[in-house]
């Protein structure tokens, strides 16, 4: 187990926590995003006993426990190891980055039950030592074609369930490329292994230039990478597959045939142990067997009645986002000052103030990204507006990422809010 004090400013895990402004950040990779009620109780208790009670839901559907100390870290690991939440070693933990459809295994609208495929891929990643050379942020995605599509979420290698000639197949996508390949479901692990090893081999001597799959695709092209492992490619627009509608928001109550679920979001990904504990007790009272974590910084209560959902909406309205039109859903914000060592601005506090400027709801996606620094932990992709903290003020970027050149520099929160107000009024006028 790595000394916690030696890890700063990188993608954390449980066995490799990251030092931050409020203590150690311990990231739990929950398989399939499926959190049993026993696990949820254990995490809530451990967050209070060994941390500061503050938690984050990440954009990869991971759960972060904050405020852990050097003295309490090993106790937290020992406690959570009893609930199948800790990997056997650091390398296995680091490579086990698999996002999945949040209702996998119970969604009646899904094309395929991906649960066994998720387990098989995770087991392969953990046991194949040559794959432990993958970068810590290298990720996989498996989408079951059901209620809440993962399409559009950035990852390195994605497997999206689809239909091909009336049979279920997986469309394989590399980064954001429009060139895809089609495989049989039983070939998922074999294909993931071949593509991951191709990436590892291509990186040798080029680690700085090829950090993620998108960099290799830019250099080689998706068609060539697929052809090397014997797969034919198709353009998405011409592929013989079903074309699905855009993803709906998971927030609020949803009914799919005889199945209901409720989605609740953590504002800017931040919540606390008491909320998790209260949610878990609520789930127990209503015979809900698990909580489902999603990559939208939200969680789902599956197999819930409409009456129970109405009760939950009333109980948690003040601490979680219950409305799919809440403007906070259209803003990404990192931890900021003082929780992050790199931030000089209070991103979460300012993001809340900025959210009150959204008098009308954006068309889709994230419109505003409030970042404590250029690392852009909350959102590495482009946004309509990005505010980047620098020396206690904000630089402003339009239609770009946090690392792009700003059009305005040195804005205090009040002037940043004034600019946003003018821009929003002009856009929606």
Protein backbone atom coordinates (compact mmCIF):
# COMPACT_ATOMS: atom_id res chain seq x y z
CA UNK A 1 0.00 0.00 0.00
CA UNK A 2 1.46 3.34 -1.08
CA UNK A 3 2.18 5.95 1.56
CA UNK A 4 -0.71 8.36 1.40
CA UNK A 5 1.51 11.37 1.90
CA UNK A 6 3.38 10.66 -1.34
CA UNK A 7 0.37 11.13 -3.60
CA UNK A 8 -0.57 14.64 -4.68
CA UNK A 9 -2.53 16.07 -7.59
CA UNK A 10 -3.33 12.95 -9.62
CA UNK A 11 -6.25 10.61 -10.22
CA UNK A 12 -6.80 9.09 -6.76
CA UNK A 13 -7.91 5.65 -5.66
CA UNK A 14 -8.60 4.05 -2.31
CA UNK A 15 -5.15 2.47 -2.06
CA UNK A 16 -3.53 5.53 -3.65
CA UNK A 17 -5.40 8.47 -2.10
CA UNK A 18 -4.71 12.04 -3.13
CA UNK A 19 -3.70 14.76 -0.71
CA UNK A 20 -6.00 17.77 -0.95
CA UNK A 21 -6.77 20.91 0.99
CA UNK A 22 -9.21 19.15 3.32
CA UNK A 23 -7.21 15.96 3.82
CA UNK A 24 -6.89 12.78 1.78
CA UNK A 25 -9.36 12.03 -1.02
CA UNK A 26 -10.18 8.30 -1.13
CA UNK A 27 -11.89 7.26 -4.37
CA UNK A 28 -14.01 4.11 -4.39
CA UNK A 29 -14.56 2.39 -7.73
CA UNK A 30 -17.93 0.69 -7.29
CA UNK A 31 -18.39 -2.16 -9.77
CA UNK A 32 -21.20 -1.35 -12.17
CA UNK A 33 -22.12 1.61 -9.99
CA UNK A 34 -24.21 -0.83 -7.93
CA UNK A 35 -24.03 0.04 -4.25
CA UNK A 36 -25.69 -2.47 -1.93
CA UNK A 37 -27.39 -1.06 1.13
CA UNK A 38 -24.81 -2.71 3.39
CA UNK A 39 -22.05 -1.04 1.39
CA UNK A 40 -23.85 2.31 1.50
CA UNK A 41 -24.22 2.12 5.27
CA UNK A 42 -20.54 1.19 5.63
CA UNK A 43 -19.37 4.09 3.47
CA UNK A 44 -21.55 6.63 5.28
CA UNK A 45 -20.24 5.44 8.65
CA UNK A 46 -16.61 5.34 7.47
CA UNK A 47 -16.91 8.83 5.99
CA UNK A 48 -18.01 10.13 9.39
CA UNK A 49 -15.64 8.05 11.51
CA UNK A 50 -12.49 8.44 9.42
CA UNK A 51 -13.14 11.49 7.21
CA UNK A 52 -14.91 14.83 7.45
CA UNK A 53 -18.29 13.47 6.32
CA UNK A 54 -18.07 15.16 2.91
CA UNK A 55 -18.30 13.05 -0.24
CA UNK A 56 -18.18 13.55 -4.01
CA UNK A 57 -19.93 11.77 -6.86
CA UNK A 58 -17.51 11.86 -9.79
CA UNK A 59 -18.17 12.07 -13.52
CA UNK A 60 -17.06 8.43 -13.74
CA UNK A 61 -19.69 7.25 -11.26
CA UNK A 62 -17.07 6.86 -8.54
CA UNK A 63 -17.61 7.80 -4.91
CA UNK A 64 -15.01 9.91 -3.12
CA UNK A 65 -14.62 10.10 0.66
CA UNK A 66 -12.94 13.34 1.72
CA UNK A 67 -11.11 14.62 4.79
CA UNK A 68 -9.38 11.35 5.64
CA UNK A 69 -6.19 11.78 7.69
CA UNK A 70 -2.88 9.95 7.66
CA UNK A 71 -3.88 8.32 10.93
CA UNK A 72 -7.40 7.21 9.88
CA UNK A 73 -6.69 6.12 6.29
CA UNK A 74 -5.59 2.55 7.06
CA UNK A 75 -8.56 2.13 9.43
CA UNK A 76 -10.94 3.23 6.67
CA UNK A 77 -9.36 0.76 4.22
CA UNK A 78 -9.62 -2.08 6.74
CA UNK A 79 -13.27 -1.23 7.42
CA UNK A 80 -14.35 -1.00 3.78
CA UNK A 81 -12.39 -4.11 2.79
CA UNK A 82 -15.03 -6.11 4.66
CA UNK A 83 -17.65 -4.94 2.15
CA UNK A 84 -15.89 -5.79 -1.13
CA UNK A 85 -15.08 -2.13 -1.79
CA UNK A 86 -11.27 -2.31 -1.84
CA UNK A 87 -9.08 -3.98 -4.48
CA UNK A 88 -6.36 -6.46 -3.67
CA UNK A 89 -3.56 -4.16 -4.83
CA UNK A 90 -2.90 -0.70 -6.23
CA UNK A 91 -2.27 -1.79 -9.84
CA UNK A 92 -5.55 -3.70 -10.08
CA UNK A 93 -7.40 -0.73 -8.60
CA UNK A 94 -5.79 1.74 -10.98
CA UNK A 95 -6.74 -0.14 -14.15
CA UNK A 96 -10.32 -0.98 -13.12
CA UNK A 97 -12.01 1.98 -14.78
CA UNK A 98 -15.25 0.67 -16.29
CA UNK A 99 -18.36 2.86 -16.59
CA UNK A 100 -21.64 1.04 -17.10
CA UNK A 101 -25.32 1.70 -17.66
CA UNK A 102 -26.68 2.59 -14.21
CA UNK A 103 -29.65 0.20 -14.36
CA UNK A 104 -27.68 -2.76 -15.69
CA UNK A 105 -29.22 -6.11 -14.90
CA UNK A 106 -32.65 -4.73 -13.96
CA UNK A 107 -33.64 -2.48 -16.89
CA UNK A 108 -36.43 -4.10 -18.88
CA UNK A 109 -35.77 -1.74 -21.81
CA UNK A 110 -32.12 -2.80 -22.18
CA UNK A 111 -31.01 -4.76 -25.23
CA UNK A 112 -28.75 -7.00 -23.16
CA UNK A 113 -27.85 -7.69 -19.54
CA UNK A 114 -24.29 -6.38 -19.39
CA UNK A 115 -23.64 -7.43 -15.77
CA UNK A 116 -21.66 -10.58 -16.67
CA UNK A 117 -19.69 -8.66 -19.30
CA UNK A 118 -18.78 -5.95 -16.77
CA UNK A 119 -17.57 -8.53 -14.27
CA UNK A 120 -15.62 -10.42 -16.94
CA UNK A 121 -13.88 -7.25 -18.13
CA UNK A 122 -13.03 -6.09 -14.61
CA UNK A 123 -11.69 -9.54 -13.70
CA UNK A 124 -9.56 -9.55 -16.85
CA UNK A 125 -8.19 -6.08 -16.17
CA UNK A 126 -7.28 -6.99 -12.61
CA UNK A 127 -5.64 -10.33 -13.45
CA UNK A 128 -3.74 -9.36 -16.63
CA UNK A 129 -0.54 -7.74 -15.40
CA UNK A 130 0.46 -6.47 -18.84
CA UNK A 131 -2.66 -4.28 -18.81
CA UNK A 132 -1.55 -2.63 -15.57
CA UNK A 133 0.64 -0.43 -17.76
CA UNK A 134 -2.44 1.47 -18.92
CA UNK A 135 -2.56 5.10 -17.69
CA UNK A 136 -4.56 5.61 -14.49
CA UNK A 137 -7.25 7.60 -16.32
CA UNK A 138 -7.64 5.15 -19.23
CA UNK A 139 -11.28 4.10 -19.20
CA UNK A 140 -13.77 1.64 -20.66
CA UNK A 141 -17.54 2.01 -21.05
CA UNK A 142 -20.26 -0.61 -21.50
CA UNK A 143 -23.75 0.58 -22.46
CA UNK A 144 -26.70 -1.84 -22.40
CA UNK A 145 -28.87 0.13 -24.83
CA UNK A 146 -31.46 0.77 -22.14
CA UNK A 147 -33.13 3.69 -20.44
CA UNK A 148 -30.20 6.02 -19.77
CA UNK A 149 -27.75 5.98 -22.65
CA UNK A 150 -24.04 6.53 -21.99
CA UNK A 151 -23.46 7.65 -25.56
CA UNK A 152 -21.67 10.96 -25.68
CA UNK A 153 -19.69 10.32 -22.50
CA UNK A 154 -15.98 10.62 -23.18
CA UNK A 155 -13.91 7.47 -22.64
CA UNK A 156 -11.10 5.58 -24.33
CA UNK A 157 -12.85 2.38 -25.45
CA UNK A 158 -16.66 2.16 -25.49
CA UNK A 159 -18.93 -0.83 -26.10
CA UNK A 160 -22.47 0.31 -26.94
CA UNK A 161 -25.22 -2.31 -27.24
CA UNK A 162 -27.13 -2.09 -30.48
CA UNK A 163 -29.02 -4.28 -32.96
CA UNK A 164 -27.52 -5.57 -36.18
CA UNK A 165 -29.73 -7.68 -38.47
CA UNK A 166 -32.11 -8.34 -35.55
CA UNK A 167 -29.27 -9.60 -33.36
CA UNK A 168 -27.70 -7.81 -30.40
CA UNK A 169 -24.16 -6.59 -31.00
CA UNK A 170 -21.76 -4.12 -29.46
CA UNK A 171 -20.67 -1.07 -31.45
CA UNK A 172 -17.06 -0.41 -30.46
CA UNK A 173 -15.97 3.22 -30.38
CA UNK A 174 -12.51 4.70 -29.76
CA UNK A 175 -12.56 8.09 -28.01
CA UNK A 176 -15.05 10.35 -29.85
CA UNK A 177 -14.50 8.86 -33.30
CA UNK A 178 -17.38 8.32 -35.72
CA UNK A 179 -15.75 5.18 -37.11
CA UNK A 180 -17.02 2.12 -35.23
CA UNK A 181 -16.67 -1.65 -35.38
CA UNK A 182 -19.30 -4.28 -34.58
CA UNK A 183 -18.63 -7.33 -32.42
CA UNK A 184 -20.58 -10.18 -30.87
CA UNK A 185 -21.26 -9.75 -27.13
CA UNK A 186 -19.12 -12.78 -26.28
CA UNK A 187 -16.11 -11.08 -27.92
CA UNK A 188 -16.15 -7.99 -25.67
CA UNK A 189 -13.29 -8.94 -23.34
CA UNK A 190 -11.14 -10.25 -26.19
CA UNK A 191 -11.66 -7.02 -28.15
CA UNK A 192 -10.98 -4.81 -25.13
CA UNK A 193 -7.77 -6.72 -24.46
CA UNK A 194 -6.55 -6.42 -28.06
CA UNK A 195 -7.26 -2.69 -28.30
CA UNK A 196 -5.73 -1.96 -24.90
CA UNK A 197 -2.55 -3.87 -25.77
CA UNK A 198 -2.35 -2.04 -29.11
CA UNK A 199 -2.49 1.21 -27.19
CA UNK A 200 0.17 0.09 -24.71
CA UNK A 201 2.52 -1.02 -27.50
CA UNK A 202 2.05 2.23 -29.43
CA UNK A 203 2.89 4.28 -26.32
CA UNK A 204 6.34 2.78 -25.87
CA UNK A 205 8.75 5.68 -26.17
CA UNK A 206 5.86 8.12 -26.74
CA UNK A 207 4.26 8.34 -23.28
CA UNK A 208 4.11 12.14 -23.34
CA UNK A 209 2.50 12.29 -26.80
CA UNK A 210 0.07 9.37 -26.39
CA UNK A 211 -1.56 9.78 -23.00
CA UNK A 212 -5.07 8.62 -23.96
CA UNK A 213 -6.71 6.72 -26.82
CA UNK A 214 -7.77 9.97 -28.50
CA UNK A 215 -4.11 10.86 -29.01
CA UNK A 216 -3.41 7.52 -30.69
CA UNK A 217 -6.53 7.86 -32.86
CA UNK A 218 -5.38 11.32 -33.94
CA UNK A 219 -2.05 9.81 -35.02
CA UNK A 220 -3.15 6.48 -36.52
CA UNK A 221 -6.88 6.77 -37.20
CA UNK A 222 -9.58 4.49 -35.82
CA UNK A 223 -9.85 2.46 -39.03
CA UNK A 224 -6.21 1.38 -38.83
CA UNK A 225 -6.43 0.52 -35.13
CA UNK A 226 -9.47 -1.66 -35.74
CA UNK A 227 -7.97 -3.31 -38.82
CA UNK A 228 -4.86 -4.33 -36.87
CA UNK A 229 -7.05 -6.56 -34.69
CA UNK A 230 -9.11 -7.80 -37.64
CA UNK A 231 -12.25 -5.67 -37.32
CA UNK A 232 -14.14 -3.98 -40.16
CA UNK A 233 -15.19 -0.38 -39.59
CA UNK A 234 -18.32 1.61 -40.39
CA UNK A 235 -19.20 5.26 -40.22
CA UNK A 236 -21.82 5.71 -37.51
CA UNK A 237 -24.19 7.39 -39.97
CA UNK A 238 -23.96 4.42 -42.37
CA UNK A 239 -23.56 1.55 -39.92
CA UNK A 240 -26.27 -1.17 -40.06
CA UNK A 241 -27.38 -0.50 -36.48
CA UNK A 242 -30.31 1.06 -34.68
CA UNK A 243 -30.17 4.82 -34.19
CA UNK A 244 -31.33 5.83 -30.72
CA UNK A 245 -32.71 9.11 -29.49
CA UNK A 246 -30.64 11.41 -27.32
CA UNK A 247 -30.30 10.50 -23.64
CA UNK A 248 -33.01 11.71 -21.29
CA UNK A 249 -32.18 13.24 -17.94
CA UNK A 250 -32.05 10.68 -15.13
CA UNK A 251 -33.37 13.22 -12.59
CA UNK A 252 -36.92 12.76 -11.32
CA UNK A 253 -39.29 9.80 -11.41
CA UNK A 254 -39.29 7.51 -14.46
CA UNK A 255 -41.49 4.58 -15.33
CA UNK A 256 -40.38 1.99 -17.86
CA UNK A 257 -43.18 -0.52 -18.38
CA UNK A 258 -43.76 -1.98 -14.90
CA UNK A 259 -40.47 -0.65 -13.52
CA UNK A 260 -39.99 2.70 -11.79
CA UNK A 261 -36.86 4.53 -10.70
CA UNK A 262 -36.03 7.87 -9.12
CA UNK A 263 -33.01 9.97 -9.98
CA UNK A 264 -31.48 12.46 -7.53
CA UNK A 265 -28.37 14.56 -8.18
CA UNK A 266 -25.69 15.82 -5.85
CA UNK A 267 -25.22 19.58 -6.47
CA UNK A 268 -21.92 19.90 -8.37
CA UNK A 269 -21.22 16.33 -7.24
CA UNK A 270 -20.98 17.28 -3.55
CA UNK A 271 -23.01 15.60 -0.80
CA UNK A 272 -22.37 14.15 2.65
CA UNK A 273 -22.52 11.05 4.81
CA UNK A 274 -25.80 12.00 6.48
CA UNK A 275 -27.58 12.24 3.13
CA UNK A 276 -26.22 8.84 2.09
CA UNK A 277 -27.25 7.35 5.43
CA UNK A 278 -30.75 8.85 5.20
CA UNK A 279 -31.13 7.61 1.62
CA UNK A 280 -30.08 4.12 2.63
CA UNK A 281 -32.57 4.02 5.51
CA UNK A 282 -35.27 5.24 3.12
CA UNK A 283 -34.38 2.49 0.64
CA UNK A 284 -34.62 -0.13 3.39
CA UNK A 285 -38.09 1.06 4.40
CA UNK A 286 -39.29 0.72 0.81
CA UNK A 287 -37.57 -2.59 -0.02
CA UNK A 288 -35.18 -0.99 -2.50
CA UNK A 289 -32.17 -3.30 -2.73
CA UNK A 290 -29.46 -1.02 -4.09
CA UNK A 291 -28.44 2.51 -4.97
CA UNK A 292 -27.13 3.06 -8.49
CA UNK A 293 -24.35 5.60 -9.10
CA UNK A 294 -24.27 7.37 -12.47
CA UNK A 295 -21.69 9.38 -14.43
CA UNK A 296 -23.98 12.42 -14.24
CA UNK A 297 -23.12 13.00 -10.57
CA UNK A 298 -26.51 11.55 -9.71
CA UNK A 299 -27.81 8.36 -8.19
CA UNK A 300 -30.85 6.23 -8.92
CA UNK A 301 -33.22 4.47 -6.55
CA UNK A 302 -34.39 1.53 -8.69
CA UNK A 303 -37.63 -0.43 -8.52
CA UNK A 304 -39.45 2.29 -6.59
CA UNK A 305 -43.18 3.00 -6.58
CA UNK A 306 -44.50 6.39 -7.61
CA UNK A 307 -45.82 6.97 -4.08
CA UNK A 308 -42.43 6.23 -2.54
CA UNK A 309 -40.76 8.47 -5.12
CA UNK A 310 -43.03 11.36 -4.14
CA UNK A 311 -42.05 10.82 -0.50
CA UNK A 312 -38.35 10.84 -1.42
CA UNK A 313 -38.71 14.00 -3.47
CA UNK A 314 -40.21 15.72 -0.45
CA UNK A 315 -37.62 14.36 1.99
CA UNK A 316 -34.50 15.15 -0.05
CA UNK A 317 -35.56 18.27 -1.96
CA UNK A 318 -33.42 20.54 0.23
CA UNK A 319 -30.19 18.53 0.00
CA UNK A 320 -30.28 16.95 -3.48
CA UNK A 321 -31.43 18.08 -6.91
CA UNK A 322 -34.86 16.61 -7.62
CA UNK A 323 -35.89 18.64 -10.69
CA UNK A 324 -34.45 17.79 -14.14
CA UNK A 325 -34.65 21.52 -15.00
CA UNK A 326 -32.60 22.70 -12.03
CA UNK A 327 -29.97 25.11 -13.44
CA UNK A 328 -27.25 23.56 -11.26
CA UNK A 329 -27.39 20.52 -13.53
CA UNK A 330 -26.01 22.61 -16.38
CA UNK A 331 -22.94 23.74 -14.45
CA UNK A 332 -19.80 21.73 -13.75
CA UNK A 333 -17.70 22.83 -10.78
CA UNK A 334 -14.71 21.23 -9.09
CA UNK A 335 -14.04 21.21 -5.34
CA UNK A 336 -12.27 24.56 -5.42
CA UNK A 337 -10.81 26.44 -2.47
CA UNK A 338 -10.20 25.44 0.31
CA UNK A 339 -10.78 21.74 -0.44
CA UNK A 340 -8.27 21.68 -3.33
CA UNK A 341 -4.62 22.60 -2.93
CA UNK A 342 -4.44 23.94 -6.49
CA UNK A 343 -7.50 26.22 -6.39
CA UNK A 344 -7.47 29.91 -5.49
CA UNK A 345 -11.23 30.46 -5.97
CA UNK A 346 -14.30 29.10 -4.17
CA UNK A 347 -15.72 27.33 -7.21
CA UNK A 348 -18.70 25.61 -5.55
CA UNK A 349 -19.83 28.75 -3.75
CA UNK A 350 -19.47 30.83 -6.92
CA UNK A 351 -21.13 28.17 -9.11
CA UNK A 352 -24.18 28.25 -6.85
CA UNK A 353 -24.39 32.03 -7.26
CA UNK A 354 -23.94 31.74 -11.04
CA UNK A 355 -26.74 29.15 -11.24
CA UNK A 356 -29.26 31.78 -10.14
CA UNK A 357 -28.55 33.62 -13.41
CA UNK A 358 -30.12 30.82 -15.46
CA UNK A 359 -33.64 32.20 -15.79
CA UNK A 360 -34.25 29.84 -18.70
CA UNK A 361 -33.01 26.31 -19.15
CA UNK A 362 -30.19 25.59 -21.63
CA UNK A 363 -30.89 23.37 -24.62
CA UNK A 364 -28.66 20.52 -23.46
CA UNK A 365 -25.42 19.57 -21.79
CA UNK A 366 -23.09 21.66 -19.69
CA UNK A 367 -23.23 25.37 -20.48
CA UNK A 368 -20.87 26.61 -17.75
CA UNK A 369 -17.72 25.11 -16.28
CA UNK A 370 -16.27 26.70 -13.14
CA UNK A 371 -12.76 25.34 -12.66
CA UNK A 372 -10.36 26.04 -9.81
CA UNK A 373 -7.36 25.73 -12.15
CA UNK A 374 -6.34 24.59 -15.63
CA UNK A 375 -6.36 20.91 -14.57
CA UNK A 376 -10.12 20.93 -15.19
CA UNK A 377 -10.87 17.94 -12.96
CA UNK A 378 -14.65 18.47 -13.12
CA UNK A 379 -14.84 18.68 -16.90
CA UNK A 380 -11.91 18.16 -19.30
CA UNK A 381 -14.11 18.82 -22.36
CA UNK A 382 -15.23 22.08 -23.93
CA UNK A 383 -18.13 24.15 -22.59
CA UNK A 384 -19.96 27.19 -23.89
CA UNK A 385 -18.40 29.21 -21.08
CA UNK A 386 -15.47 28.21 -18.88
CA UNK A 387 -14.26 30.21 -15.88
CA UNK A 388 -10.77 29.24 -14.72
CA UNK A 389 -9.44 30.34 -11.35
CA UNK A 390 -6.11 32.15 -11.30
CA UNK A 391 -4.72 34.02 -8.27
CA UNK A 392 -8.14 34.51 -6.70
CA UNK A 393 -9.87 35.67 -9.89
CA UNK A 394 -11.31 34.11 -13.03
CA UNK A 395 -10.15 33.92 -16.63
CA UNK A 396 -13.03 33.51 -19.08
CA UNK A 397 -13.03 31.19 -22.11
CA UNK A 398 -15.79 30.87 -24.69
CA UNK A 399 -16.50 27.54 -26.43
CA UNK A 400 -13.35 25.94 -25.12
CA UNK A 401 -11.55 24.02 -22.40
CA UNK A 402 -9.90 25.29 -19.24
CA UNK A 403 -6.49 25.12 -20.89
CA UNK A 404 -7.53 27.30 -23.88
CA UNK A 405 -6.72 30.98 -24.31
CA UNK A 406 -9.15 33.23 -22.39
CA UNK A 407 -10.86 36.26 -23.91
CA UNK A 408 -10.98 38.01 -20.53
CA UNK A 409 -8.66 37.76 -17.53
CA UNK A 410 -8.73 38.71 -13.86
CA UNK A 411 -12.50 38.82 -13.31
CA UNK A 412 -13.71 38.78 -9.73
CA UNK A 413 -16.89 36.72 -9.11
CA UNK A 414 -19.13 39.80 -9.38
CA UNK A 415 -17.76 40.82 -12.80
CA UNK A 416 -17.82 37.22 -13.99
CA UNK A 417 -21.50 37.05 -12.97
CA UNK A 418 -22.22 40.29 -14.83
CA UNK A 419 -20.67 38.93 -18.01
CA UNK A 420 -22.59 35.66 -17.69
CA UNK A 421 -25.86 37.53 -17.12
CA UNK A 422 -25.36 39.62 -20.27
CA UNK A 423 -24.42 36.55 -22.29
CA UNK A 424 -27.40 34.50 -21.11
CA UNK A 425 -29.86 37.31 -21.68
CA UNK A 426 -28.49 37.77 -25.18
CA UNK A 427 -28.63 34.05 -25.95
CA UNK A 428 -32.21 33.60 -24.76
CA UNK A 429 -33.57 36.93 -25.94
